[in-house]
Protein backbone atom coordinates (compact mmCIF):
# COMPACT_ATOMS: atom_id res chain seq x y z
CA MET A 1 0.00 0.00 0.00
CA PRO A 2 -0.48 2.38 -1.65
CA GLN A 3 -1.19 0.64 -4.93
CA ILE A 4 -1.00 3.23 -7.73
CA THR A 5 -1.93 2.63 -11.35
CA VAL A 6 -1.48 5.16 -14.14
CA ASP A 7 -3.45 4.42 -17.30
CA TYR A 8 -2.55 6.69 -20.19
CA SER A 9 -3.00 7.03 -23.94
CA ASP A 10 0.14 5.91 -25.71
CA ILE A 11 0.35 9.12 -27.78
CA VAL A 12 1.35 10.99 -24.61
CA GLU A 13 4.30 8.64 -23.94
CA ASP A 14 7.05 10.87 -25.36
CA ALA A 15 5.68 13.93 -23.54
CA PHE A 16 5.12 12.22 -20.16
CA ASP A 17 7.97 12.36 -17.64
CA ARG A 18 6.92 9.15 -15.89
CA GLU A 19 9.98 8.90 -13.66
CA GLY A 20 9.62 12.46 -12.37
CA PHE A 21 5.88 12.03 -12.03
CA ALA A 22 6.25 8.83 -9.98
CA ARG A 23 8.74 10.43 -7.62
CA ALA A 24 6.57 13.53 -7.11
CA LEU A 25 3.46 11.36 -6.76
CA HIS A 26 5.09 9.22 -4.08
CA GLU A 27 6.21 12.35 -2.21
CA ALA A 28 2.69 13.79 -2.35
CA THR A 29 1.17 10.50 -1.20
CA VAL A 30 3.54 10.37 1.78
CA GLU A 31 2.90 14.01 2.69
CA ILE A 32 -0.87 14.08 2.21
CA ALA A 33 -1.98 10.52 3.03
CA ALA A 34 0.72 9.57 5.54
CA ALA A 35 1.93 6.64 3.44
CA LYS A 36 5.40 5.21 3.96
CA PRO A 37 7.83 5.99 1.11
CA GLU A 38 8.93 2.36 0.80
CA ALA A 39 5.30 1.27 0.45
CA CYS A 40 4.58 3.46 -2.61
CA LYS A 41 4.55 1.52 -5.86
CA THR A 42 3.30 2.70 -9.23
CA GLN A 43 2.51 0.83 -12.44
CA PHE A 44 2.21 2.65 -15.76
CA ARG A 45 -0.11 1.12 -18.35
CA PRO A 46 -0.14 2.68 -21.83
CA SER A 47 -3.24 2.20 -23.93
CA ALA A 48 -2.88 1.93 -27.69
CA TYR A 49 -6.51 2.82 -28.31
CA THR A 50 -8.28 5.79 -26.75
CA VAL A 51 -11.69 7.02 -27.87
CA PHE A 52 -12.85 10.49 -26.88
CA GLY A 53 -16.45 11.57 -27.38
CA TYR A 54 -17.51 11.25 -31.00
CA GLU A 55 -14.02 11.84 -32.36
CA ASP A 56 -12.66 9.37 -34.87
CA PRO A 57 -10.10 7.40 -32.81
CA GLY A 58 -7.69 7.64 -35.73
CA ALA A 59 -7.62 11.43 -35.38
CA ARG A 60 -5.71 11.05 -32.08
CA GLY A 61 -6.62 14.57 -30.99
CA HIS A 62 -7.08 13.63 -27.34
CA ALA A 63 -5.12 11.74 -24.72
CA VAL A 64 -6.20 10.49 -21.31
CA VAL A 65 -4.10 10.14 -18.16
CA HIS A 66 -6.03 8.54 -15.28
CA VAL A 67 -4.43 7.77 -11.92
CA THR A 68 -5.99 5.35 -9.44
CA ILE A 69 -4.61 5.20 -5.91
CA GLY A 70 -5.63 2.38 -3.61
CA LEU A 71 -5.04 3.09 0.08
CA LEU A 72 -5.78 1.12 3.20
CA ALA A 73 -9.04 2.36 4.71
CA GLY A 74 -8.96 5.16 7.24
CA ARG A 75 -8.35 8.34 5.23
CA GLY A 76 -11.15 10.86 5.21
CA ASP A 77 -12.80 12.39 2.15
CA GLU A 78 -10.88 15.65 2.64
CA THR A 79 -7.53 13.83 2.53
CA LYS A 80 -8.58 11.87 -0.56
CA ALA A 81 -9.76 15.03 -2.33
CA LYS A 82 -6.53 16.87 -1.48
CA LEU A 83 -4.51 13.96 -2.87
CA THR A 84 -6.49 13.74 -6.13
CA GLU A 85 -6.17 17.50 -6.65
CA ALA A 86 -2.41 17.21 -6.16
CA VAL A 87 -2.23 14.27 -8.58
CA VAL A 88 -4.09 16.12 -11.34
CA GLU A 89 -1.73 19.07 -10.92
CA LEU A 90 1.27 16.71 -11.07
CA VAL A 91 0.01 15.30 -14.37
CA ARG A 92 -0.16 18.85 -15.73
CA THR A 93 3.42 19.59 -14.67
CA HIS A 94 4.88 16.28 -15.89
CA VAL A 95 3.28 16.17 -19.35
CA ALA A 96 4.92 18.56 -21.81
CA ASP A 97 2.86 20.69 -24.16
CA THR A 98 1.35 18.61 -26.95
CA ALA A 99 -0.54 19.17 -30.18
CA PHE A 100 -3.43 17.14 -28.73
CA ALA A 101 -5.61 17.71 -25.67
CA VAL A 102 -4.60 15.87 -22.49
CA HIS A 103 -7.39 14.97 -20.08
CA ALA A 104 -6.11 14.25 -16.56
CA SER A 105 -8.11 12.60 -13.79
CA ALA A 106 -7.47 10.86 -10.50
CA GLU A 107 -9.31 8.73 -7.98
CA VAL A 108 -8.41 7.55 -4.49
CA ARG A 109 -10.19 4.46 -3.25
CA ASP A 110 -10.02 2.28 -0.18
CA LEU A 111 -8.45 -1.11 -0.70
CA ASP A 112 -10.79 -3.96 0.09
CA PRO A 113 -10.37 -5.51 3.55
CA SER A 114 -9.25 -8.71 1.80
CA TYR A 115 -6.11 -6.94 0.46
CA ARG A 116 -2.90 -8.80 1.19
CA LYS A 117 0.63 -8.44 -0.11
CA ALA A 118 3.83 -10.45 -0.04
CA ASP A 119 7.43 -9.47 -0.62
CA ARG A 120 10.22 -11.84 -1.65
């Protein structure tokens, strides 16, 4: 914990500073949600096919970056909202200007009580 997943349109790949974003995201998660630095882990998942509204997907005029953060239960709505606001701002600062629109979003959710992890 926290379990962080970043889903993004592949057209943003060259403009997205993923390493810098992950570091800043982990720092924000520690500061805002009281996570332990060594517990922060982030997976980046590019998507080759993004459809936006009624746009022809081949036009590739829009990109999506969506961040999901799973935390152990116990954080209040105010903490979750503060974290998602920080995450959206971090996306803005870690994606360079592009010829296409970039739509950033974030969600913080409680991990299910059945959550377990193992390290080897």
